[in-house]
Structure formats: structure tokens, C-alpha cells
Protein backbone atom coordinates (compact mmCIF):
# COMPACT_ATOMS: atom_id res chain seq x y z
CA MET A 1 -158.02 -47.76 129.67
CA GLU A 2 -157.17 -45.34 132.46
CA VAL A 3 -153.56 -45.33 133.59
CA VAL A 4 -153.15 -45.21 137.36
CA LYS A 5 -150.49 -42.76 138.38
CA ARG A 6 -148.66 -43.62 141.57
CA ASN A 7 -147.25 -40.92 143.81
CA TYR A 8 -143.95 -41.73 145.48
CA TYR A 9 -142.13 -39.75 148.14
CA TRP A 10 -138.48 -39.15 147.42
CA TRP A 11 -137.58 -39.55 151.09
CA ASN A 12 -138.90 -41.77 153.88
CA LYS A 13 -137.43 -43.75 156.73
CA TRP A 14 -136.72 -46.73 154.45
CA THR A 15 -134.59 -44.67 152.08
CA GLY A 16 -132.78 -43.36 155.15
CA TYR A 17 -132.10 -46.91 156.32
CA SER A 18 -130.89 -47.91 152.86
CA LEU A 19 -128.58 -44.91 152.70
CA LEU A 20 -127.11 -45.87 156.07
CA ILE A 21 -126.54 -49.44 154.85
CA LEU A 22 -124.82 -48.06 151.76
CA LEU A 23 -122.44 -45.95 153.85
CA LEU A 24 -121.55 -48.97 155.97
CA VAL A 25 -121.12 -51.37 153.06
CA ALA A 26 -119.06 -48.86 151.05
CA THR A 27 -116.62 -48.30 153.96
CA PRO A 28 -113.89 -50.58 152.50
CA LEU A 29 -114.04 -48.83 149.14
CA PHE A 30 -113.86 -45.37 150.71
CA THR A 31 -110.99 -46.49 152.95
CA ILE A 32 -108.87 -47.81 150.11
CA PHE A 33 -109.58 -44.75 147.95
CA PHE A 34 -108.63 -42.18 150.57
CA LYS A 35 -105.62 -44.18 151.83
CA LEU A 36 -104.13 -44.04 148.33
CA PHE A 37 -103.38 -40.37 148.95
CA ASP A 38 -101.10 -41.30 151.88
CA ASN A 39 -97.44 -42.00 151.34
CA PRO A 40 -96.62 -45.61 150.38
CA GLY A 41 -95.19 -47.90 153.03
CA GLY A 42 -91.51 -48.62 153.49
CA SER A 43 -91.69 -51.95 151.68
CA TRP A 44 -93.54 -50.58 148.64
CA SER A 45 -90.39 -49.71 146.71
CA HIS A 46 -89.01 -53.24 147.22
CA ILE A 47 -92.27 -54.84 146.10
CA ALA A 48 -92.69 -52.45 143.16
CA ASN A 49 -89.16 -53.09 141.90
CA ASN A 50 -88.91 -56.83 142.50
CA LEU A 51 -92.32 -58.46 142.95
CA LEU A 52 -95.03 -56.32 141.38
CA PHE A 53 -94.42 -57.49 137.80
CA GLY A 54 -94.56 -61.12 138.96
CA TYR A 55 -97.84 -60.49 140.79
CA PHE A 56 -99.31 -58.89 137.68
CA GLN A 57 -97.99 -61.54 135.28
CA ASN A 58 -99.18 -64.50 137.36
CA THR A 59 -102.58 -62.94 138.02
CA ILE A 60 -103.19 -62.20 134.33
CA LEU A 61 -101.99 -65.65 133.23
CA LEU A 62 -104.21 -67.24 135.87
CA LEU A 63 -107.20 -65.23 134.67
CA LEU A 64 -106.62 -66.03 131.00
CA GLY A 65 -105.95 -69.71 131.62
CA VAL A 66 -109.03 -70.21 133.78
CA ALA A 67 -111.17 -68.20 131.33
CA CYS A 68 -110.13 -70.46 128.43
CA PHE A 69 -110.61 -73.75 130.26
CA THR A 70 -113.90 -72.79 131.93
CA PHE A 71 -115.16 -71.74 128.49
CA LEU A 72 -114.20 -75.08 126.93
CA LEU A 73 -115.54 -77.21 129.77
CA GLY A 74 -118.64 -75.17 130.57
CA VAL A 75 -119.91 -74.38 127.07
CA SER A 76 -119.25 -77.84 125.62
CA THR A 77 -121.03 -79.70 128.42
CA ALA A 78 -123.89 -77.17 128.49
CA TRP A 79 -124.43 -77.61 124.74
CA LEU A 80 -124.43 -81.40 125.02
CA VAL A 81 -126.94 -81.68 127.88
CA SER A 82 -129.18 -78.99 126.38
CA ASN A 83 -129.35 -80.20 122.78
CA TYR A 84 -128.64 -83.95 122.67
CA GLU A 85 -130.29 -86.99 124.17
CA PHE A 86 -127.80 -89.54 125.51
CA PRO A 87 -127.55 -91.97 128.45
CA GLY A 88 -127.23 -90.14 131.77
CA ARG A 89 -128.06 -86.70 130.33
CA LYS A 90 -130.67 -85.82 132.96
CA TYR A 91 -128.21 -86.76 135.73
CA PHE A 92 -125.36 -84.73 134.26
CA GLU A 93 -127.62 -81.66 134.38
CA TRP A 94 -126.98 -81.51 138.13
CA LEU A 95 -123.88 -83.68 138.53
CA LEU A 96 -121.82 -81.16 136.54
CA ILE A 97 -122.83 -78.41 138.98
CA LEU A 98 -121.45 -80.26 142.02
CA PRO A 99 -117.84 -78.99 141.63
CA LEU A 100 -119.11 -75.58 142.79
CA GLY A 101 -119.33 -77.10 146.26
CA PHE A 102 -115.57 -77.78 146.20
CA PRO A 103 -113.55 -74.73 147.33
CA GLY A 104 -110.38 -74.35 145.28
CA TYR A 105 -108.04 -74.68 148.26
CA ILE A 106 -109.61 -78.02 149.22
CA MET A 107 -109.45 -79.29 145.64
CA SER A 108 -105.76 -78.28 145.43
CA TYR A 109 -104.42 -80.33 148.32
CA THR A 110 -106.80 -83.19 147.51
CA TYR A 111 -105.27 -83.52 144.05
CA VAL A 112 -101.76 -83.28 145.47
CA GLY A 113 -102.68 -86.27 147.65
CA ILE A 114 -104.15 -88.17 144.70
CA LEU A 115 -101.00 -87.72 142.60
CA ASP A 116 -98.54 -88.23 145.48
CA TYR A 117 -96.31 -91.31 145.88
CA THR A 118 -98.71 -92.81 148.45
CA GLY A 119 -101.80 -91.65 146.54
CA PRO A 120 -104.32 -94.03 144.93
CA LEU A 121 -103.09 -93.40 141.38
CA GLN A 122 -99.48 -94.41 142.06
CA VAL A 123 -100.56 -97.32 144.23
CA PHE A 124 -102.74 -98.57 141.36
CA LEU A 125 -99.92 -98.18 138.81
CA ARG A 126 -97.39 -99.93 141.05
CA ASN A 127 -99.65 -102.84 141.98
CA THR A 128 -101.15 -103.35 138.53
CA PHE A 129 -98.45 -102.41 136.02
CA GLU A 130 -95.36 -102.21 138.29
CA ILE A 131 -94.86 -98.59 137.21
CA SER A 132 -93.34 -96.35 139.88
CA PHE A 133 -92.41 -92.68 140.10
CA LYS A 134 -89.91 -91.00 142.37
CA GLY A 135 -92.30 -88.18 143.25
CA SER A 136 -95.74 -87.16 142.07
CA VAL A 137 -97.12 -88.53 138.82
CA ILE A 138 -97.60 -84.96 137.66
CA ASP A 139 -96.22 -81.92 139.44
CA ILE A 140 -99.21 -79.58 139.73
CA MET A 141 -97.83 -77.30 142.44
CA ASN A 142 -97.20 -74.49 139.96
CA LEU A 143 -99.07 -71.97 137.82
CA PRO A 144 -100.46 -74.51 135.28
CA GLY A 145 -101.58 -76.66 138.20
CA ALA A 146 -103.39 -73.69 139.78
CA ILE A 147 -105.11 -73.01 136.44
CA PHE A 148 -106.21 -76.65 136.27
CA ILE A 149 -107.55 -76.70 139.84
CA LEU A 150 -109.44 -73.42 139.57
CA SER A 151 -110.83 -74.37 136.15
CA ILE A 152 -112.37 -77.65 137.28
CA THR A 153 -113.91 -75.99 140.33
CA LEU A 154 -115.24 -72.88 138.55
CA PHE A 155 -116.41 -74.15 135.14
CA PRO A 156 -119.95 -74.81 136.56
CA TYR A 157 -120.47 -71.01 136.57
CA VAL A 158 -120.16 -71.05 132.77
CA PHE A 159 -122.05 -74.36 132.51
CA LEU A 160 -125.03 -73.06 134.49
CA ILE A 161 -125.48 -69.77 132.67
CA SER A 162 -124.71 -71.24 129.23
CA ARG A 163 -127.13 -74.10 129.76
CA SER A 164 -129.85 -71.65 130.78
CA SER A 165 -129.20 -69.63 127.62
CA PHE A 166 -129.16 -72.68 125.32
CA VAL A 167 -132.41 -74.00 126.83
CA GLN A 168 -134.15 -70.67 126.28
CA GLN A 169 -133.07 -70.31 122.65
CA SER A 170 -135.80 -70.68 120.04
CA LYS A 171 -135.93 -73.76 117.85
CA THR A 172 -137.13 -71.56 114.95
CA LEU A 173 -133.74 -69.89 114.50
CA GLN A 174 -131.85 -73.17 114.43
CA GLU A 175 -134.34 -74.67 111.97
CA ALA A 176 -133.83 -71.65 109.71
CA SER A 177 -130.10 -72.32 109.83
CA TYR A 178 -130.60 -75.97 108.87
CA LEU A 179 -132.88 -74.99 105.95
CA LEU A 180 -130.12 -72.74 104.63
CA GLY A 181 -127.86 -75.78 104.38
CA THR A 182 -125.80 -75.22 107.54
CA ASN A 183 -124.75 -78.33 109.44
CA ARG A 184 -125.06 -78.73 113.21
CA LEU A 185 -121.48 -77.71 113.96
CA LYS A 186 -121.75 -74.50 111.96
CA THR A 187 -125.17 -73.80 113.48
CA PHE A 188 -123.55 -73.98 116.91
CA PHE A 189 -120.78 -71.52 115.99
CA LYS A 190 -122.88 -69.22 113.78
CA VAL A 191 -126.22 -69.14 115.61
CA ALA A 192 -126.29 -70.68 119.11
CA LEU A 193 -122.91 -69.47 120.35
CA PRO A 194 -123.35 -65.80 119.31
CA MET A 195 -126.81 -65.76 120.89
CA ALA A 196 -125.42 -67.15 124.14
CA ARG A 197 -122.34 -64.89 124.13
CA PRO A 198 -123.60 -62.42 126.76
CA ALA A 199 -124.48 -65.29 129.10
CA ILE A 200 -121.16 -67.06 128.50
CA VAL A 201 -119.13 -63.92 129.14
CA ALA A 202 -121.14 -63.29 132.32
CA GLY A 203 -120.26 -66.80 133.52
CA ILE A 204 -116.57 -66.30 132.71
CA ALA A 205 -116.67 -62.94 134.54
CA LEU A 206 -118.07 -64.68 137.64
CA ALA A 207 -115.32 -67.29 137.46
CA SER A 208 -112.73 -64.50 137.06
CA MET A 209 -114.03 -62.82 140.22
CA GLU A 210 -113.46 -66.05 142.11
CA VAL A 211 -109.94 -66.36 140.66
CA LEU A 212 -109.05 -62.90 141.92
CA ASN A 213 -110.52 -63.76 145.32
CA ASP A 214 -108.63 -67.05 145.62
CA TYR A 215 -105.88 -67.25 148.21
CA GLY A 216 -105.78 -70.86 149.36
CA THR A 217 -104.92 -72.45 146.01
CA VAL A 218 -102.22 -69.98 144.94
CA LYS A 219 -100.72 -69.93 148.43
CA TYR A 220 -100.57 -73.72 148.65
CA PHE A 221 -99.05 -73.99 145.17
CA GLY A 222 -96.55 -71.19 145.73
CA VAL A 223 -97.92 -68.93 142.97
CA ASN A 224 -97.43 -65.24 143.75
CA THR A 225 -100.51 -63.16 142.90
CA PHE A 226 -101.91 -59.88 144.17
CA THR A 227 -103.87 -61.75 146.85
CA THR A 228 -100.76 -63.44 148.26
CA GLY A 229 -98.95 -60.09 147.99
CA ILE A 230 -101.61 -58.43 150.16
CA PHE A 231 -101.21 -61.16 152.78
CA ARG A 232 -97.42 -60.85 152.66
CA ALA A 233 -97.51 -57.08 153.04
CA TRP A 234 -100.02 -57.24 155.88
CA PHE A 235 -98.77 -60.18 157.95
CA SER A 236 -95.11 -60.69 157.07
CA LEU A 237 -94.04 -57.08 156.52
CA GLY A 238 -96.60 -55.37 158.77
CA ASP A 239 -97.04 -52.67 156.12
CA SER A 240 -100.70 -51.66 155.83
CA SER A 241 -99.97 -48.88 153.31
CA THR A 242 -98.39 -51.32 150.87
CA ALA A 243 -101.31 -53.71 151.36
CA ILE A 244 -103.65 -50.83 150.47
CA TYR A 245 -101.72 -50.09 147.27
CA LEU A 246 -101.83 -53.74 146.20
CA ALA A 247 -105.54 -53.94 147.08
CA ALA A 248 -106.20 -50.86 144.93
CA ILE A 249 -104.47 -52.47 141.92
CA LEU A 250 -106.51 -55.63 142.44
CA MET A 251 -109.71 -53.56 142.56
CA VAL A 252 -108.76 -51.93 139.26
CA LEU A 253 -108.49 -55.40 137.70
CA VAL A 254 -111.95 -56.25 139.04
CA PHE A 255 -113.53 -53.10 137.60
CA VAL A 256 -111.80 -53.66 134.26
CA ILE A 257 -113.34 -57.14 134.05
CA LEU A 258 -116.77 -55.79 135.00
CA TYR A 259 -116.45 -52.98 132.45
CA LEU A 260 -115.41 -55.35 129.65
CA GLU A 261 -118.31 -57.68 130.46
CA SER A 262 -120.75 -54.75 130.41
CA LEU A 263 -119.19 -53.34 127.23
CA GLN A 264 -119.47 -56.56 125.22
CA ARG A 265 -123.04 -57.11 126.42
CA GLY A 266 -124.17 -53.54 125.70
CA GLN A 267 -127.85 -53.40 124.82
CA ARG A 268 -127.91 -56.72 122.97
CA ARG A 269 -131.19 -58.60 123.11
CA PHE A 270 -131.74 -61.80 121.15
CA SER A 271 -135.31 -62.85 120.50
CA SER A 272 -137.46 -64.47 117.87
CA VAL A 273 -139.50 -62.32 115.52
CA HIS A 274 -142.58 -64.33 116.47
CA GLY A 275 -144.64 -63.68 119.53
CA THR A 276 -144.14 -67.21 120.79
CA ARG A 277 -140.96 -69.18 121.25
CA ARG A 278 -140.59 -72.85 120.54
CA PRO A 279 -138.02 -74.51 122.80
CA THR A 280 -135.14 -76.35 121.16
CA ALA A 281 -135.90 -80.07 120.80
CA ARG A 282 -133.07 -82.39 121.81
CA LEU A 283 -131.51 -84.30 118.93
CA GLN A 284 -131.13 -88.08 118.80
CA PRO A 285 -127.54 -88.78 117.66
CA SER A 286 -126.24 -92.16 116.60
CA TRP A 287 -125.45 -94.82 119.21
CA GLY A 288 -121.70 -94.19 118.92
CA LYS A 289 -122.07 -90.46 119.42
CA LYS A 290 -124.37 -91.04 122.40
CA MET A 291 -121.70 -93.15 124.07
CA GLY A 292 -119.10 -90.52 123.22
CA TYR A 293 -121.15 -87.72 124.79
CA THR A 294 -121.73 -89.83 127.90
CA ALA A 295 -118.00 -90.57 128.11
CA ILE A 296 -117.07 -86.86 127.83
CA CYS A 297 -119.48 -85.79 130.58
CA THR A 298 -118.47 -88.74 132.77
CA LEU A 299 -114.76 -87.95 132.45
CA ILE A 300 -115.29 -84.29 133.35
CA PHE A 301 -117.45 -85.25 136.35
CA LEU A 302 -114.90 -87.80 137.58
CA ILE A 303 -112.01 -85.32 137.38
CA SER A 304 -113.86 -82.30 138.73
CA PHE A 305 -115.75 -83.94 141.60
CA LEU A 306 -115.93 -87.69 142.14
CA PHE A 307 -112.21 -88.55 142.34
CA PRO A 308 -111.33 -85.79 144.85
CA PHE A 309 -114.56 -86.42 146.78
CA LEU A 310 -113.74 -90.13 147.17
CA GLN A 311 -110.20 -89.22 148.22
CA LEU A 312 -111.59 -87.01 151.00
CA ILE A 313 -113.90 -89.81 152.17
CA HIS A 314 -110.91 -92.18 152.25
CA TRP A 315 -108.90 -89.73 154.36
CA VAL A 316 -111.84 -89.22 156.72
CA SER A 317 -112.16 -92.99 157.19
CA LEU A 318 -108.50 -93.09 158.27
CA THR A 319 -108.45 -90.05 160.57
CA TYR A 320 -111.94 -89.42 161.95
CA SER A 321 -111.20 -91.23 165.22
CA LYS A 322 -108.32 -88.83 165.93
CA VAL A 323 -109.93 -85.62 164.68
CA ILE A 324 -113.61 -85.81 165.59
CA ASN A 325 -113.82 -84.93 169.27
CA GLN A 326 -115.40 -82.30 171.47
CA ASP A 327 -113.21 -79.54 170.03
CA PHE A 328 -114.26 -80.50 166.51
CA PHE A 329 -117.94 -80.21 167.37
CA ILE A 330 -117.26 -76.81 168.95
CA LEU A 331 -115.59 -75.84 165.66
CA ILE A 332 -118.69 -76.90 163.72
CA TYR A 333 -120.94 -75.01 166.15
CA ARG A 334 -118.87 -71.83 165.79
CA SER A 335 -118.70 -72.04 162.00
CA PHE A 336 -122.39 -72.79 161.53
CA GLY A 337 -123.44 -70.17 164.06
CA LEU A 338 -121.28 -67.49 162.44
CA ALA A 339 -122.53 -68.36 158.96
CA ALA A 340 -126.20 -68.48 160.03
CA PHE A 341 -125.99 -65.18 161.91
CA SER A 342 -124.33 -63.49 158.94
CA GLY A 343 -126.95 -64.91 156.58
CA ILE A 344 -129.83 -63.60 158.69
CA LEU A 345 -128.28 -60.14 158.96
CA ILE A 346 -127.59 -59.94 155.22
CA VAL A 347 -131.14 -60.99 154.33
CA CYS A 348 -132.54 -58.41 156.78
CA PHE A 349 -130.45 -55.65 155.17
CA SER A 350 -131.51 -56.89 151.72
CA VAL A 351 -135.17 -56.59 152.72
CA ILE A 352 -134.59 -53.00 153.86
CA LEU A 353 -132.85 -52.07 150.60
CA LEU A 354 -135.54 -53.65 148.45
CA TYR A 355 -138.42 -52.24 150.48
CA ALA A 356 -136.95 -48.76 150.14
CA LEU A 357 -136.83 -49.31 146.38
CA ARG A 358 -140.38 -50.65 146.48
CA LEU A 359 -141.70 -47.49 148.17
CA SER A 360 -139.46 -45.02 146.29
CA PRO A 361 -138.47 -46.45 142.91
CA PHE A 362 -136.33 -43.48 141.93
CA LYS A 363 -133.09 -43.85 140.03
CA TRP A 364 -130.95 -42.68 142.93
CA VAL A 365 -132.51 -45.33 145.20
CA LYS A 366 -131.79 -47.99 142.56
CA ASN A 367 -128.19 -46.80 142.46
CA ILE A 368 -127.97 -47.22 146.24
CA THR A 369 -128.96 -50.88 145.97
CA LYS A 370 -126.55 -51.48 143.08
CA ILE A 371 -123.58 -50.02 144.96
CA ALA A 372 -124.53 -51.80 148.19
CA THR A 373 -124.36 -55.18 146.40
CA LEU A 374 -121.06 -54.49 144.65
CA GLY A 375 -119.01 -56.22 147.35
CA TYR A 376 -119.38 -59.68 145.80
CA ALA A 377 -117.22 -58.54 142.89
CA ILE A 378 -114.44 -57.40 145.25
CA PRO A 379 -111.90 -59.99 146.46
CA GLY A 380 -112.13 -60.92 150.12
CA ALA A 381 -108.55 -59.81 150.86
CA VAL A 382 -109.35 -56.31 149.56
CA ILE A 383 -112.49 -56.07 151.69
CA ALA A 384 -110.59 -57.34 154.74
CA VAL A 385 -107.93 -54.63 154.38
CA GLY A 386 -110.59 -51.98 153.79
CA VAL A 387 -112.46 -53.05 156.94
CA MET A 388 -109.45 -53.51 159.21
CA ILE A 389 -107.90 -50.06 158.63
CA PRO A 390 -110.88 -47.94 159.84
CA PHE A 391 -111.64 -50.35 162.68
CA ILE A 392 -108.07 -50.09 163.97
CA ALA A 393 -108.32 -46.30 163.76
CA LEU A 394 -111.67 -46.40 165.60
CA ASP A 395 -110.23 -48.56 168.38
CA LYS A 396 -107.28 -46.17 168.75
CA TRP A 397 -109.62 -43.20 169.00
CA ILE A 398 -111.81 -44.95 171.60
CA TYR A 399 -108.82 -45.90 173.74
CA GLY A 400 -107.35 -42.45 173.37
CA THR A 401 -110.46 -40.51 174.35
CA LEU A 402 -113.05 -42.70 176.05
CA ILE A 403 -111.32 -45.66 177.70
CA THR A 404 -108.33 -45.30 179.97
CA SER A 405 -108.07 -48.92 181.15
CA LYS A 406 -105.05 -50.71 179.69
CA THR A 407 -106.58 -54.15 180.26
CA ALA A 408 -109.70 -53.63 178.15
CA GLY A 409 -109.85 -55.69 174.99
CA LEU A 410 -110.37 -54.54 171.44
CA LEU A 411 -113.90 -53.46 170.61
CA PHE A 412 -113.89 -53.64 166.80
CA SER A 413 -110.66 -54.71 165.10
CA GLY A 414 -109.72 -58.34 165.65
CA THR A 415 -113.21 -59.27 166.84
CA LEU A 416 -116.18 -61.15 165.43
CA PHE A 417 -117.87 -57.79 164.85
CA ALA A 418 -115.31 -56.91 162.19
CA LEU A 419 -115.58 -60.37 160.64
CA VAL A 420 -119.39 -60.29 160.39
CA PHE A 421 -119.24 -56.73 159.06
CA ALA A 422 -116.89 -57.87 156.30
CA TYR A 423 -119.17 -60.83 155.47
CA ILE A 424 -122.05 -58.38 155.03
CA VAL A 425 -119.99 -56.29 152.62
CA ARG A 426 -118.78 -59.32 150.68
CA PHE A 427 -121.98 -61.35 150.41
CA MET A 428 -124.75 -58.75 150.31
CA ALA A 429 -125.48 -59.60 146.65
CA VAL A 430 -125.83 -63.30 147.50
CA GLY A 431 -128.70 -62.63 149.91
CA TYR A 432 -130.10 -59.72 147.92
CA ASN A 433 -130.84 -61.57 144.66
CA PRO A 434 -133.22 -64.26 146.06
CA VAL A 435 -135.12 -61.63 148.08
CA ASP A 436 -135.35 -59.41 145.00
CA ALA A 437 -136.76 -62.33 143.01
CA GLY A 438 -139.35 -62.93 145.75
CA PHE A 439 -140.51 -59.30 145.75
CA GLN A 440 -140.78 -59.28 141.97
CA LYS A 441 -142.84 -62.46 142.03
CA ILE A 442 -145.55 -61.08 144.36
CA GLY A 443 -145.69 -57.71 142.58
CA ILE A 444 -146.57 -54.33 144.06
CA HIS A 445 -150.38 -54.47 144.06
CA VAL A 446 -150.81 -56.44 147.31
CA ASN A 447 -148.57 -53.94 149.07
CA GLU A 448 -150.52 -51.01 147.61
CA ALA A 449 -153.85 -52.52 148.67
CA SER A 450 -152.61 -52.77 152.24
CA ARG A 451 -151.39 -49.18 152.19
CA LEU A 452 -154.74 -47.95 150.79
CA LEU A 453 -156.46 -49.57 153.76
CA GLY A 454 -154.41 -47.32 156.03
CA ILE A 455 -151.82 -49.89 157.15
CA LYS A 456 -148.38 -48.37 157.75
CA SER A 457 -145.39 -49.49 155.73
CA THR A 458 -143.69 -51.38 158.57
CA LYS A 459 -146.81 -53.37 159.42
CA THR A 460 -147.46 -54.04 155.73
CA LEU A 461 -143.95 -55.44 155.37
CA TRP A 462 -144.30 -57.58 158.47
CA LYS A 463 -147.84 -58.87 157.91
CA ILE A 464 -148.10 -59.00 154.11
CA ASP A 465 -144.80 -58.99 152.22
CA LEU A 466 -142.54 -61.12 154.40
CA PRO A 467 -144.98 -64.08 154.72
CA LEU A 468 -145.37 -64.09 150.94
CA ILE A 469 -141.61 -64.22 150.28
CA LYS A 470 -140.59 -66.51 153.14
CA THR A 471 -139.23 -69.11 150.70
CA SER A 472 -136.99 -66.48 149.10
CA LEU A 473 -135.81 -65.37 152.55
CA VAL A 474 -134.84 -68.93 153.48
CA SER A 475 -133.10 -69.39 150.13
CA GLY A 476 -131.09 -66.20 150.66
CA ILE A 477 -130.01 -67.29 154.15
CA ILE A 478 -128.94 -70.73 152.87
CA LEU A 479 -126.89 -69.29 149.99
CA VAL A 480 -125.11 -66.81 152.28
CA PHE A 481 -124.59 -69.55 154.88
CA VAL A 482 -122.73 -71.73 152.39
CA ASP A 483 -120.60 -68.89 150.99
CA VAL A 484 -119.57 -67.72 154.47
CA LEU A 485 -118.73 -71.29 155.43
CA LYS A 486 -116.32 -71.57 152.45
CA GLU A 487 -114.78 -68.08 152.66
CA LEU A 488 -111.04 -68.24 153.40
CA PRO A 489 -108.95 -65.07 152.70
CA LEU A 490 -111.31 -62.66 154.42
CA THR A 491 -111.65 -64.94 157.45
CA LEU A 492 -107.88 -65.48 157.75
CA ILE A 493 -107.23 -61.73 157.97
CA LEU A 494 -110.11 -60.62 160.22
CA ARG A 495 -110.73 -63.57 162.56
CA PRO A 496 -110.00 -63.01 166.27
CA PHE A 497 -106.75 -64.42 167.59
CA ASN A 498 -106.77 -68.22 167.71
CA TYR A 499 -110.34 -68.32 166.36
CA GLN A 500 -110.92 -71.09 163.84
CA THR A 501 -113.67 -71.88 161.36
CA LEU A 502 -114.01 -75.04 159.28
CA ALA A 503 -112.38 -73.28 156.32
CA THR A 504 -109.39 -71.90 158.24
CA LYS A 505 -108.93 -75.16 160.15
CA ALA A 506 -108.87 -77.22 156.96
CA PHE A 507 -106.42 -74.81 155.33
CA ASP A 508 -104.12 -74.59 158.37
CA MET A 509 -103.95 -78.37 158.73
CA ALA A 510 -103.26 -78.86 155.02
CA THR A 511 -100.46 -76.30 154.96
CA ASN A 512 -98.94 -78.01 158.02
CA GLU A 513 -98.76 -81.34 156.13
CA MET A 514 -101.82 -82.76 157.92
CA ILE A 515 -103.75 -83.24 154.69
CA ALA A 516 -105.60 -86.41 155.70
CA GLU A 517 -106.72 -84.86 158.99
CA SER A 518 -107.94 -81.71 157.23
CA ALA A 519 -110.37 -83.79 155.15
CA ASN A 520 -112.85 -84.00 158.04
CA ALA A 521 -113.53 -80.26 158.07
CA ALA A 522 -113.32 -80.09 154.27
CA LEU A 523 -115.94 -82.80 153.80
CA ILE A 524 -118.46 -80.91 155.95
CA ILE A 525 -117.90 -77.75 153.87
CA ILE A 526 -118.46 -79.65 150.63
CA LEU A 527 -121.56 -81.52 151.79
CA THR A 528 -123.04 -78.24 152.98
CA GLY A 529 -122.13 -76.59 149.69
CA ILE A 530 -124.20 -79.12 147.75
CA ILE A 531 -127.45 -77.71 149.23
CA PRO A 532 -127.66 -74.54 147.09
CA ILE A 533 -126.66 -76.56 144.02
CA ILE A 534 -129.99 -78.40 144.30
CA PHE A 535 -131.75 -75.01 144.36
CA LEU A 536 -129.79 -73.87 141.30
CA ASN A 537 -130.72 -76.95 139.30
CA ARG A 538 -134.41 -76.56 140.14
CA LEU A 539 -134.23 -72.89 139.19
CA ILE A 540 -132.79 -73.71 135.76
CA LYS A 541 -135.52 -76.31 135.18
């Protein structure tokens, strides 16, 4: 069989476009790196001597606590729905993903309302058992409470990836374990769990990225972390240099997590020695165990989604007449428009990066795409600081050399341009992955056939490739749309003055003790966030 050798050019206009996108997306990283060589700000010594250890301690404890609880919740439920048949199993496959639609900051103040003196739990205890409390039933506005809130909102990351791994495992290996006299519990710990370890650690790493990015939960609960320290240095102290130093430390934590995840995964590949793989058949436990498995999954679903969701609906029923007005619809229009525009831009940039790789599949082009999608691993507060600093400098240069009018407004910093730019940096990977999957699905041969017929690359992309991957393009836009709609720390720092989105409005109202009123904006965010969850469940199936 003759092997067809393809000739690729190391440089073309698409690689030039991709290199330009890389330079833009990497701006926050370059900014933080070079600013580290400047002298620290005036408040750095105070923070280093009095607050830095607390930031580090709380952040590490938060990471470890969430890692442990997401592991327990995610792996246990994934194993049950993948390997056992019990009432409601097929519903729990997607019901246990729904907590991903709940941003942590919304979950936090919802649970404070549930446990409060006027909340449904205390009302039920007083009316039914005449049990009353002076304050909350349980005080969760502390570090353990933050761990609990973030765990029940982030464990679906571990559940999704673990479930996918368990479903793909071969039945042959587990049968071999049973024949050697190993019971089901030992088979789980000795065979299934080690095989799924890379997937589980990847899920925990994703949850850890979200923990480091969180601002709303830790701020509302009064837990000092590096993210709250960045906000304090930037807004309260007005010290950008100190914010840069804290952002750099937070980035180091991110890269350490990524390195550890890559290190433990290494080159491990788990596969059956046979050419074919037999899927694992679900076991039929006894009636009592079936009821127990249903009860476990039901309890986790109630705590992680249904109870807080019903609380939000109750608050909306009480306050919608006061909150939903013309200004509220303008808020929805702004938020949806900003999220949709960002999603379209990100998908367009993703197409350019992937088409450059398609035409020039060299290692250095692959590295460009990898670096350009690194922003999702970087906390939003870090990206916001890295975007704001050069944009402020650019505005100063423009007003110092090109514009003499004192009444002209800002061109970059403090505008929607800076906000959308930061969204592109943060969520490039979210739009990139679905488009990448679409390109891989159609292969390279259709593209090559078009090029052999003399059609230029741009026309081939427009007439051939894009129509074939239109579903992937829409999926990418939807996923970015939802993530932008939920994003809080980045939006709080970079939004124009007095500009609100659904996320910032809900957070501002909750922090100003208008929790019931904030539920209207929060409910829209959550209902919108359920859309990609349906896609995820279909993808796993």
C-alpha cells in the first residue's frame, strides 16, 4: 500500500493569524510576569507580614477540603449509576450533573437563607416539633461552610469524568478479578479505581481550578483567600503592584496543580489485551441495597440542587412583582448580548487556531493552540488584573500623545472592550474544544479534496468545513454563553462603571441583604446553565 506524503508549509496567513491571537491571549501572563520585576507596592509589606499566611492557609485548606469531598461524592455516585441497576438510576445520570448550573456564590446565600431563622427548615422545626434556634440551625458562614458549598456545586466535574471512565472500562478485567476470588468492594479498590485514577484526578483538578477562581462564596462567607486579597489590594488599597504579586502567587498554585495532575497521569494507558472491549454489565443487587443506592443518590441530589432551587423559586414568587420591570429586562438583554457576542468571537478565534493547525500541523503550531487555551486554568481575578494593567497604560499613552481633549472617555480600560477581551482569554478553551471535536470528526480528506480542485483555503473553510461542523460551532457558542453569564470575579473588576450583568446584580443584591430579590437574576442564570448539562449527558451516552 502506497503511503501518501503530504507537504505542509511552515508559514501561511492562518499561522500568522493564530500567532496574533496567541500574543493577544497571552497578554495577561506577560503583564504579570514582567510586572514582578517592579518594586512591590506600599501595602505589600503589611499584607506579607499580616495577611499572606492566612491567604495561603485558607486557600490550601479550601483546595484540600473540596478535593476530598468532591472525590467522595463524585466517585461514589459515578460508580453506583455505572455499575448497579436500581430505581431512578437512568434519571440520576443527568440529575446529578445539574448542580454544575448553580454558581457557588448563588448556592452560598441560598443555603444561608434555608438555614436562617425565617428559613423553611426552622419554620418546619418550629411548627412541627416546636424546636427553635436563636440564629441559624448551622453556622456555615466560615471555612467549613465554604468547603461544603463549593463541594456540592463542583462534585459533578468528578462525577462526569469518573462515570465516563467507569462506563468505558472492560468487563473482562472485572470478571478476572472475580474469578481470582476478589469481592466487589475489593474489585472496586484494586481494579476499577486505579484504572479510573487519571480521569478522577483530572476531574478534581478541574474542581480545584474553580475553587481558585471563586470569589463570591469566600467573599460572602468572610473567608480570606488569594482571590479576596487581590480584590482588596486593587479596590480597597488601590495598589496594583500588590495585586500583581498576589496574582502571581495564585498562578503558581494553578501551575502546581496542573503539573501534579500531568505528573500522576504520565503516559499511563489502561486497555484490555483483547482487540475488542466488552462493556461492564450493570449488577442487580438485592432489593434492600437497591433502595439504599436510590436513597444515597436522592439525598445528594436534594442537598446539591433541589432544596436550593426550590428556595430560589420561593423567593422569586415573593419578589418578582417588585424586581421584574423594564430595568430588569434591560439587564437580561445586556447580559445575554454580552455573553452571545463573546461566544461568537471565541468560536471564530477557535476556528482560526484549528484551521492553522489543520493546514500546518507542526509542533510549534500545536504549542500555539495549547498556550492560547491556557486561560481557562487561570482564575478570573488574575486575568482581570493582567488585562487592566496594560489597558490603563495604553489609555495613558493615547491621552498623552494622540488625544488632547480632557472630556474624552476611556478607550480601553473600564470599557466593554476590556471585558470582552478578558472573556476571550478566560474562556477560549471552552469554545475551542467543541470546534476541535467537530474538525476531528470530519477528518482532513474533504478539505484536501477541495484544495486539490484548486479552491483556496479561505473558500474551502467557508464552503466546506464550516457547514460540516455547524453543530460543533453552535455547541461552542452555547457553552461559552453560559460560562460568561455565570462569571463573577472577572466581571466585577473589569465592568464599566455602573454596568451590571445578571451575575453582578445577583451578587450585589445578596451582599446588600436583598437575598430574596437577588433570586430573580440567579434563577435565570441557573436555568440557562442547565442547557449545556443536557449536551454533556448526551455526550457521555
